[in-house]
Amino acid sequence: MTDSAMPSTKDAFRGIALLRRWIFTAFVLLQTALGIWGMILVLPYHGSTAIEKTILITFIPLYAFVAAGSWMALFGFYLRRRYKNRGDAHSLMSRFADRLPTTKLVKTAVALPIYHEDVERVFRGLRASIQSVLATGQGEMFEFFILSDSRDPEIWLEERAAWLALCNDLDLHGRVHYRRRRVNLKAKTGNVSDFLRRWGRNFKYFIVFDADSVMSGEALVTLVRLMECEPKAGMIQTVPRLFNARSAFARMQQFVTHLYGPLFSEGLAALQLNEAVFWGHNAIIRTEAFMAHCGLKSMRGFGLWRGTVLSHDFVEAAFIRRAGYEVWLETAIEGSFEESPPSLDDELIRDKRWSKGNLQHLRFFGYERGIATAHRMAFMNGIFAYMASPVWFLFLLFSTIEVAQFAAGDIN
């Protein structure tokens, strides 16, 4: 689709999305108002002193944040019960269910950016995905690109050997490619950009993997068919399920995400509809749209807001939606998997990177023009996910001061 043929962002889903969001907001505000009323009743001076006012100021956003999460899960629970886990009635999977089996595929690239990863693990997952695609009978419609940014010679030589072994074992020379950048500018975003400059125009779509991603052939085929059915779609994000957990920490994460993760993702998809999020992997992207509208410049601010955009995926989704394309989160697509960090240390390293990336979104939340409200709210949610910690600290600090005054007899 060329830019001159771009659809309007004021589409058929706008009214449905607005209705759902207003209902959701009303429930959150009502629950928050009741929570504030209850807190005022509990406080000795009912919020009239400086300390109690500070307690209320910190309590309100914290309670609203928790209320929003609970109502999103309840929305997801309702939709899963109503549609028997088949996804929202307005989702792509529901609307194009009859056309999917007969929709022809087009050549699609699968891009796997890697940087100093466990080579055996990466290629084991890639092999499983390729074999699954071949089993569908549609293997000739996909090409796989291993995009290495590894600096350590021992690692990238091991990568190259594993790639050659994969090509030899599956007889896929010319369809599984390996490229290592000599200069890895802009980390993962630069890696993908280099791939697009070299090969992007040969493919109508490309699917992004993470180093720990595994997707079934049926899931990959379904993504391409959905893009062919909906020419306005710029991105379609699947919901990866955690798998292959070995440590106790990873297995706990895997258990809880399997338990309540589907409720949150279903509720999120229903509220965002065609203005959904992009999580950076296990998703399909319209190549022309991404190349035209998702180039991210280095930030020219200070501190966190200077240099490469770390959590680039949310920003890319916002930019591609601003250009008029749709972004969908399809919860009914099965066969999408990823692994979780095996230890608390690994989780903290990832969380540190995510915290910096989400706080960078303050710039896009406040100053970037043309961003859809749904994406601004996604930015705000990510920002407060990390800003909530100091707010919790202040809430507990002033609550402790209030209790100490009460214990000392300063409060009647």
Protein backbone atom coordinates (compact mmCIF):
# COMPACT_ATOMS: atom_id res chain seq x y z
CA MET A 1 0.00 0.00 0.00
CA THR A 2 1.45 3.37 -0.96
CA ASP A 3 1.24 6.45 1.20
CA SER A 4 -1.23 8.04 -1.21
CA ALA A 5 -3.63 5.18 -0.58
CA MET A 6 -3.35 5.29 3.18
CA PRO A 7 -6.57 4.67 5.11
CA SER A 8 -7.91 7.23 7.53
CA THR A 9 -7.25 6.61 11.20
CA LYS A 10 -10.94 7.45 11.77
CA ASP A 11 -12.11 3.97 10.81
CA ALA A 12 -14.96 1.64 11.59
CA PHE A 13 -13.40 0.54 14.89
CA ARG A 14 -13.08 4.02 16.32
CA GLY A 15 -16.61 4.08 17.77
CA ILE A 16 -16.30 0.59 19.22
CA ALA A 17 -12.92 1.35 20.73
CA LEU A 18 -14.12 4.65 22.23
CA LEU A 19 -17.17 2.97 23.78
CA ARG A 20 -15.07 0.24 25.35
CA ARG A 21 -12.48 2.70 26.62
CA TRP A 22 -15.11 4.98 28.15
CA ILE A 23 -16.74 2.02 29.92
CA PHE A 24 -13.33 0.85 31.15
CA THR A 25 -12.41 4.37 32.32
CA ALA A 26 -15.75 4.75 34.10
CA PHE A 27 -15.22 1.52 36.06
CA VAL A 28 -11.66 2.50 36.98
CA LEU A 29 -12.66 6.01 38.09
CA LEU A 30 -15.62 4.71 40.09
CA GLN A 31 -13.49 2.15 41.91
CA THR A 32 -10.78 4.76 42.51
CA ALA A 33 -13.34 7.22 43.89
CA LEU A 34 -14.60 4.56 46.29
CA GLY A 35 -11.01 3.79 47.30
CA ILE A 36 -10.31 7.49 47.99
CA TRP A 37 -13.49 7.76 50.05
CA GLY A 38 -12.49 4.70 52.07
CA MET A 39 -8.98 6.07 52.64
CA ILE A 40 -10.34 9.44 53.81
CA LEU A 41 -12.56 7.64 56.33
CA VAL A 42 -9.59 5.65 57.65
CA LEU A 43 -7.27 8.65 58.13
CA PRO A 44 -7.54 10.20 61.63
CA TYR A 45 -8.09 13.76 60.36
CA HIS A 46 -9.86 12.59 57.18
CA GLY A 47 -7.28 14.10 54.86
CA SER A 48 -7.21 17.60 56.34
CA THR A 49 -3.55 17.72 57.48
CA ALA A 50 -0.50 18.20 55.26
CA ILE A 51 0.75 14.65 55.85
CA GLU A 52 -2.65 13.12 55.13
CA LYS A 53 -3.00 15.18 51.96
CA THR A 54 0.38 13.85 50.85
CA ILE A 55 -0.77 10.32 51.64
CA LEU A 56 -3.85 10.85 49.48
CA ILE A 57 -1.83 12.38 46.63
CA THR A 58 0.38 9.28 46.48
CA PHE A 59 -2.51 6.87 47.10
CA ILE A 60 -4.65 8.03 44.17
CA PRO A 61 -2.36 7.10 41.23
CA LEU A 62 -1.28 3.87 42.93
CA TYR A 63 -4.85 2.75 43.51
CA ALA A 64 -5.95 3.80 40.01
CA PHE A 65 -3.07 1.82 38.49
CA VAL A 66 -4.07 -1.32 40.37
CA ALA A 67 -7.76 -0.76 39.54
CA ALA A 68 -6.96 -0.42 35.83
CA GLY A 69 -5.12 -3.73 35.86
CA SER A 70 -7.94 -5.52 37.66
CA TRP A 71 -10.61 -4.21 35.28
CA MET A 72 -8.51 -5.10 32.25
CA ALA A 73 -8.28 -8.68 33.54
CA LEU A 74 -12.04 -8.74 34.16
CA PHE A 75 -12.66 -7.51 30.61
CA GLY A 76 -10.43 -10.31 29.37
CA PHE A 77 -12.23 -12.89 31.52
CA TYR A 78 -15.60 -11.79 30.14
CA LEU A 79 -14.41 -11.95 26.51
CA ARG A 80 -12.81 -15.37 26.93
CA ARG A 81 -16.03 -16.70 28.42
CA ARG A 82 -18.19 -15.11 25.74
CA TYR A 83 -16.12 -16.08 22.69
CA LYS A 84 -14.81 -19.43 24.00
CA ASN A 85 -11.14 -18.35 23.72
CA ARG A 86 -11.51 -17.61 19.98
CA GLY A 87 -10.63 -13.93 20.39
CA ASP A 88 -12.70 -10.78 20.19
CA ALA A 89 -15.47 -10.65 17.54
CA HIS A 90 -13.72 -7.64 15.97
CA SER A 91 -10.29 -9.26 15.84
CA LEU A 92 -8.69 -10.19 12.53
CA MET A 93 -8.90 -13.90 13.36
CA SER A 94 -12.66 -13.65 13.85
CA ARG A 95 -13.42 -11.41 10.88
CA PHE A 96 -11.36 -13.37 8.37
CA ALA A 97 -11.88 -16.90 9.71
CA ASP A 98 -13.63 -18.04 6.52
CA ARG A 99 -11.04 -16.56 4.15
CA LEU A 100 -7.88 -17.67 5.93
CA PRO A 101 -7.66 -21.26 4.62
CA THR A 102 -7.83 -20.16 0.96
CA THR A 103 -5.66 -17.02 1.18
CA LYS A 104 -2.42 -17.38 -0.76
CA LEU A 105 0.91 -16.56 0.82
CA VAL A 106 3.57 -14.16 -0.41
CA LYS A 107 7.31 -14.27 0.15
CA THR A 108 8.04 -13.37 3.78
CA ALA A 109 11.30 -12.93 5.65
CA VAL A 110 11.89 -14.12 9.20
CA ALA A 111 14.54 -11.95 10.89
CA LEU A 112 16.43 -13.24 13.95
CA PRO A 113 18.71 -10.56 15.49
CA ILE A 114 21.26 -12.03 17.92
CA TYR A 115 24.06 -10.65 20.08
CA HIS A 116 26.32 -12.90 22.18
CA GLU A 117 23.57 -15.47 22.73
CA ASP A 118 23.71 -19.15 23.65
CA VAL A 119 24.35 -20.41 20.11
CA GLU A 120 23.10 -23.94 20.70
CA ARG A 121 19.85 -22.63 22.20
CA VAL A 122 19.25 -20.10 19.41
CA PHE A 123 19.73 -22.59 16.59
CA ARG A 124 17.73 -25.30 18.34
CA GLY A 125 14.74 -22.95 18.48
CA LEU A 126 15.27 -21.76 14.92
CA ARG A 127 15.51 -25.33 13.67
CA ALA A 128 12.21 -26.20 15.38
CA SER A 129 10.49 -23.21 13.75
CA ILE A 130 11.88 -24.03 10.29
CA GLN A 131 10.93 -27.69 10.52
CA SER A 132 7.42 -26.70 11.58
CA VAL A 133 7.12 -24.37 8.58
CA LEU A 134 8.33 -27.09 6.22
CA ALA A 135 5.70 -29.44 7.67
CA THR A 136 2.94 -27.06 6.54
CA GLY A 137 4.01 -27.42 2.91
CA GLN A 138 4.58 -23.65 2.67
CA GLY A 139 8.31 -23.62 3.39
CA GLU A 140 9.22 -22.11 0.02
CA MET A 141 7.33 -18.92 0.94
CA PHE A 142 9.69 -18.10 3.84
CA GLU A 143 13.34 -17.10 4.04
CA PHE A 144 15.19 -16.92 7.36
CA PHE A 145 17.86 -14.34 8.21
CA ILE A 146 20.21 -14.73 11.18
CA LEU A 147 21.39 -11.19 11.91
CA SER A 148 24.42 -11.31 14.17
CA ASP A 149 25.88 -8.36 16.05
CA SER A 150 28.26 -10.56 18.06
CA ARG A 151 31.74 -9.12 18.67
CA ASP A 152 33.46 -12.13 20.23
CA PRO A 153 35.20 -14.12 17.43
CA GLU A 154 34.62 -17.43 19.20
CA ILE A 155 30.89 -16.77 19.38
CA TRP A 156 30.38 -15.62 15.81
CA LEU A 157 32.50 -18.48 14.46
CA GLU A 158 30.27 -20.85 16.44
CA GLU A 159 27.22 -19.08 14.99
CA ARG A 160 28.54 -19.52 11.47
CA ALA A 161 29.27 -23.21 12.03
CA ALA A 162 25.77 -23.77 13.45
CA TRP A 163 24.25 -21.97 10.44
CA LEU A 164 26.16 -24.14 7.97
CA ALA A 165 25.14 -27.28 9.87
CA LEU A 166 21.49 -26.17 9.78
CA CYS A 167 21.61 -25.50 6.04
CA ASN A 168 23.29 -28.86 5.37
CA ASP A 169 20.94 -30.86 7.59
CA LEU A 170 17.74 -29.37 6.13
CA ASP A 171 19.09 -28.71 2.61
CA LEU A 172 18.16 -25.03 2.86
CA HIS A 173 21.15 -23.29 1.28
CA GLY A 174 19.95 -19.98 -0.15
CA ARG A 175 16.87 -19.89 2.10
CA VAL A 176 18.55 -19.57 5.50
CA HIS A 177 21.02 -16.67 5.54
CA TYR A 178 23.66 -15.55 8.03
CA ARG A 179 24.97 -11.98 8.21
CA ARG A 180 27.29 -10.47 10.82
CA ARG A 181 27.71 -6.71 10.99
CA ARG A 182 31.23 -5.44 11.37
CA VAL A 183 30.02 -2.25 13.08
CA ASN A 184 26.95 -2.78 15.27
CA LEU A 185 25.54 0.74 15.42
CA LYS A 186 22.26 1.38 17.32
CA ALA A 187 22.10 -2.17 18.71
CA LYS A 188 19.00 -4.16 17.72
CA THR A 189 17.27 -1.30 15.88
CA GLY A 190 20.39 -0.75 13.80
CA ASN A 191 20.66 -4.49 13.16
CA VAL A 192 17.11 -4.68 11.80
CA SER A 193 17.57 -1.44 9.83
CA ASP A 194 20.65 -2.87 8.14
CA PHE A 195 18.67 -5.99 7.21
CA LEU A 196 15.90 -3.86 5.70
CA ARG A 197 18.33 -1.76 3.68
CA ARG A 198 19.92 -4.89 2.22
CA TRP A 199 16.95 -7.20 1.71
CA GLY A 200 13.77 -5.45 2.84
CA ARG A 201 12.40 -4.56 -0.59
CA ASN A 202 12.49 -8.22 -1.62
CA PHE A 203 9.77 -9.07 0.90
CA LYS A 204 6.27 -7.68 1.39
CA TYR A 205 6.35 -8.69 5.06
CA PHE A 206 8.92 -9.66 7.65
CA ILE A 207 8.49 -11.49 10.95
CA VAL A 208 10.74 -10.57 13.88
CA PHE A 209 12.10 -13.17 16.27
CA ASP A 210 14.00 -12.73 19.51
CA ALA A 211 16.90 -15.01 20.32
CA ASP A 212 14.60 -17.17 22.47
CA SER A 213 11.59 -17.10 20.11
CA VAL A 214 9.97 -20.21 18.69
CA MET A 215 6.91 -20.08 16.44
CA SER A 216 5.00 -22.90 14.84
CA GLY A 217 4.67 -23.08 11.08
CA GLU A 218 0.92 -22.71 11.41
CA ALA A 219 1.35 -19.47 13.37
CA LEU A 220 3.73 -18.04 10.76
CA VAL A 221 1.42 -18.99 7.90
CA THR A 222 -1.58 -17.49 9.74
CA LEU A 223 0.23 -14.18 10.26
CA VAL A 224 0.99 -13.84 6.55
CA ARG A 225 -2.57 -14.74 5.57
CA LEU A 226 -4.01 -12.19 8.00
CA MET A 227 -1.82 -9.47 6.49
CA GLU A 228 -3.02 -10.45 3.03
CA CYS A 229 -6.65 -10.34 4.18
CA GLU A 230 -6.30 -6.90 5.81
CA PRO A 231 -4.25 -4.51 3.63
CA LYS A 232 -4.58 -1.77 6.27
CA ALA A 233 -2.65 -3.83 8.84
CA GLY A 234 0.87 -2.57 9.45
CA MET A 235 1.72 -4.88 12.35
CA ILE A 236 0.16 -7.98 13.87
CA GLN A 237 1.49 -9.00 17.28
CA THR A 238 0.99 -12.48 18.71
CA VAL A 239 0.96 -13.29 22.43
CA PRO A 240 4.06 -15.40 23.16
CA ARG A 241 3.66 -18.06 25.84
CA LEU A 242 6.54 -18.76 28.17
CA PHE A 243 8.00 -22.24 27.80
CA ASN A 244 11.07 -24.39 28.46
CA ALA A 245 11.56 -23.04 32.00
CA ARG A 246 14.14 -25.03 33.96
CA SER A 247 14.98 -23.04 37.11
CA ALA A 248 12.53 -22.56 39.98
CA PHE A 249 12.42 -18.82 39.30
CA ALA A 250 11.62 -19.29 35.61
CA ARG A 251 9.01 -21.96 36.32
CA MET A 252 7.20 -19.67 38.75
CA GLN A 253 7.09 -16.96 36.09
CA GLN A 254 5.90 -19.46 33.51
CA PHE A 255 3.14 -20.70 35.82
CA VAL A 256 1.72 -17.29 36.71
CA THR A 257 1.79 -16.03 33.11
CA HIS A 258 -0.07 -19.15 31.97
CA LEU A 259 -2.54 -18.65 34.82
CA TYR A 260 -3.56 -15.01 34.37
CA GLY A 261 -1.60 -13.74 31.37
CA PRO A 262 -4.36 -14.61 28.86
CA LEU A 263 -6.87 -12.50 30.80
CA PHE A 264 -4.71 -9.38 30.61
CA SER A 265 -3.76 -9.87 26.96
CA GLU A 266 -7.40 -10.47 25.98
CA GLY A 267 -8.53 -7.35 27.83
CA LEU A 268 -5.69 -5.29 26.36
CA ALA A 269 -6.48 -6.42 22.82
CA ALA A 270 -10.18 -5.63 23.26
CA LEU A 271 -9.48 -2.09 24.50
CA GLN A 272 -6.84 -1.24 21.91
CA LEU A 273 -8.34 -3.01 18.88
CA ASN A 274 -6.49 -1.66 15.81
CA GLU A 275 -4.24 0.61 17.92
CA ALA A 276 -2.46 -2.19 19.73
CA VAL A 277 1.07 -2.51 21.06
CA PHE A 278 4.12 -4.10 19.47
CA TRP A 279 6.43 -6.07 21.77
CA GLY A 280 9.36 -6.25 19.37
CA HIS A 281 9.23 -9.95 18.48
CA ASN A 282 6.89 -12.79 17.48
CA ALA A 283 5.09 -10.34 15.22
CA ILE A 284 4.69 -9.66 11.50
CA ILE A 285 5.34 -6.23 9.97
CA ARG A 286 4.48 -4.68 6.60
CA THR A 287 7.93 -3.93 5.24
CA GLU A 288 7.16 -0.86 3.12
CA ALA A 289 5.24 0.83 5.93
CA PHE A 290 7.94 0.12 8.49
CA MET A 291 10.73 1.38 6.26
CA ALA A 292 8.82 4.54 5.41
CA HIS A 293 7.61 5.53 8.87
CA CYS A 294 9.56 3.77 11.64
CA GLY A 295 13.07 5.10 11.32
CA LEU A 296 14.06 6.25 14.82
CA LYS A 297 16.58 9.05 15.18
CA SER A 298 18.92 9.25 18.14
CA MET A 299 17.51 11.45 20.88
CA ARG A 300 19.25 14.79 21.47
CA GLY A 301 18.29 15.44 25.05
CA PHE A 302 20.19 14.77 28.27
CA GLY A 303 20.67 11.79 30.55
CA LEU A 304 18.18 9.04 29.70
CA TRP A 305 16.79 11.11 26.85
CA ARG A 306 19.96 11.11 24.83
CA GLY A 307 21.18 8.48 22.38
CA THR A 308 19.46 5.34 21.10
CA VAL A 309 15.79 4.66 21.84
CA LEU A 310 15.91 1.51 23.98
CA SER A 311 12.25 0.39 24.10
CA HIS A 312 11.79 1.08 20.41
CA ASP A 313 8.92 -1.36 19.85
CA PHE A 314 6.18 0.78 21.44
CA VAL A 315 7.44 3.81 19.52
CA GLU A 316 7.44 1.95 16.20
CA ALA A 317 3.85 0.82 16.78
CA ALA A 318 2.83 4.41 17.54
CA PHE A 319 4.57 5.71 14.42
CA ILE A 320 3.09 3.11 12.08
CA ARG A 321 -0.38 3.85 13.47
CA ARG A 322 0.22 7.56 13.01
CA ALA A 323 0.90 6.84 9.34
CA GLY A 324 -2.59 5.35 9.01
CA TYR A 325 -1.87 1.65 9.29
CA GLU A 326 -3.47 -0.61 11.88
CA VAL A 327 -1.68 -2.46 14.67
CA TRP A 328 -3.40 -5.57 16.01
CA LEU A 329 -2.79 -7.82 19.00
CA GLU A 330 -4.16 -11.24 18.01
CA THR A 331 -4.69 -13.38 21.09
CA ALA A 332 -6.23 -16.35 19.24
CA ILE A 333 -3.07 -17.22 17.29
CA GLU A 334 -1.49 -20.25 18.95
CA GLY A 335 2.04 -21.56 18.54
CA SER A 336 3.98 -18.45 19.63
CA PHE A 337 6.58 -19.01 22.36
CA GLU A 338 9.45 -17.35 24.19
CA GLU A 339 11.59 -18.08 27.24
CA SER A 340 11.82 -16.11 30.48
CA PRO A 341 15.05 -15.10 32.24
CA PRO A 342 16.36 -18.12 34.17
CA SER A 343 17.38 -16.24 37.33
CA LEU A 344 16.59 -13.15 39.36
CA ASP A 345 19.88 -11.58 38.27
CA ASP A 346 18.94 -12.00 34.60
CA GLU A 347 15.49 -10.59 35.31
CA LEU A 348 16.96 -7.52 37.02
CA ILE A 349 19.35 -6.89 34.12
CA ARG A 350 16.44 -6.99 31.68
CA ASP A 351 14.26 -4.90 33.97
CA LYS A 352 16.96 -2.23 34.22
CA ARG A 353 17.02 -1.96 30.44
CA TRP A 354 13.22 -1.86 30.29
CA SER A 355 13.04 0.81 32.99
CA LYS A 356 15.36 3.09 31.03
CA GLY A 357 13.45 2.45 27.82
CA ASN A 358 10.05 3.12 29.38
CA LEU A 359 11.23 6.32 31.05
CA GLN A 360 12.52 7.48 27.66
CA HIS A 361 8.90 7.34 26.51
CA LEU A 362 8.23 10.51 28.52
CA ARG A 363 9.55 12.36 25.49
CA PHE A 364 7.17 10.62 23.07
CA PHE A 365 4.23 10.81 25.49
CA GLY A 366 4.51 14.56 25.90
CA TYR A 367 6.09 16.00 22.78
CA GLU A 368 5.54 13.73 19.77
CA ARG A 369 2.70 14.93 17.55
CA GLY A 370 0.06 12.77 15.91
CA ILE A 371 0.32 9.84 18.34
CA ALA A 372 -2.96 8.00 18.94
CA THR A 373 -4.46 8.28 22.41
CA ALA A 374 -4.23 4.50 22.86
CA HIS A 375 -0.49 4.62 22.29
CA ARG A 376 -0.05 7.61 24.61
CA MET A 377 -1.84 5.58 27.27
CA ALA A 378 0.48 2.65 26.56
CA PHE A 379 3.44 4.99 27.04
CA MET A 380 1.96 6.29 30.30
CA ASN A 381 1.30 2.77 31.58
CA GLY A 382 4.89 1.74 30.90
CA ILE A 383 6.26 4.90 32.48
CA PHE A 384 4.22 4.53 35.66
CA ALA A 385 5.10 0.83 35.93
CA TYR A 386 8.55 2.08 36.99
CA MET A 387 7.59 5.45 38.50
CA ALA A 388 5.25 3.59 40.85
CA SER A 389 8.16 2.37 42.98
CA PRO A 390 9.21 5.81 44.32
CA VAL A 391 5.54 6.74 44.70
CA TRP A 392 5.00 3.60 46.79
CA PHE A 393 8.03 4.57 48.87
CA LEU A 394 6.56 8.02 49.57
CA PHE A 395 3.17 6.53 50.39
CA LEU A 396 4.72 4.12 52.90
CA LEU A 397 7.01 6.81 54.31
CA PHE A 398 4.24 9.29 55.07
CA SER A 399 1.92 6.52 56.27
CA THR A 400 4.66 5.50 58.73
CA ILE A 401 5.00 9.11 59.91
CA GLU A 402 1.23 9.24 60.42
CA VAL A 403 1.29 6.02 62.47
CA ALA A 404 4.29 7.26 64.49
CA GLN A 405 2.46 10.48 65.35
CA PHE A 406 -0.57 8.45 66.40
CA ALA A 407 1.57 6.18 68.59
CA ALA A 408 3.27 9.20 70.17
CA GLY A 409 -0.08 10.68 71.06
CA ASP A 410 0.16 13.64 68.69
CA ILE A 411 -3.12 12.58 67.03
CA ASN A 412 -6.31 12.57 69.04
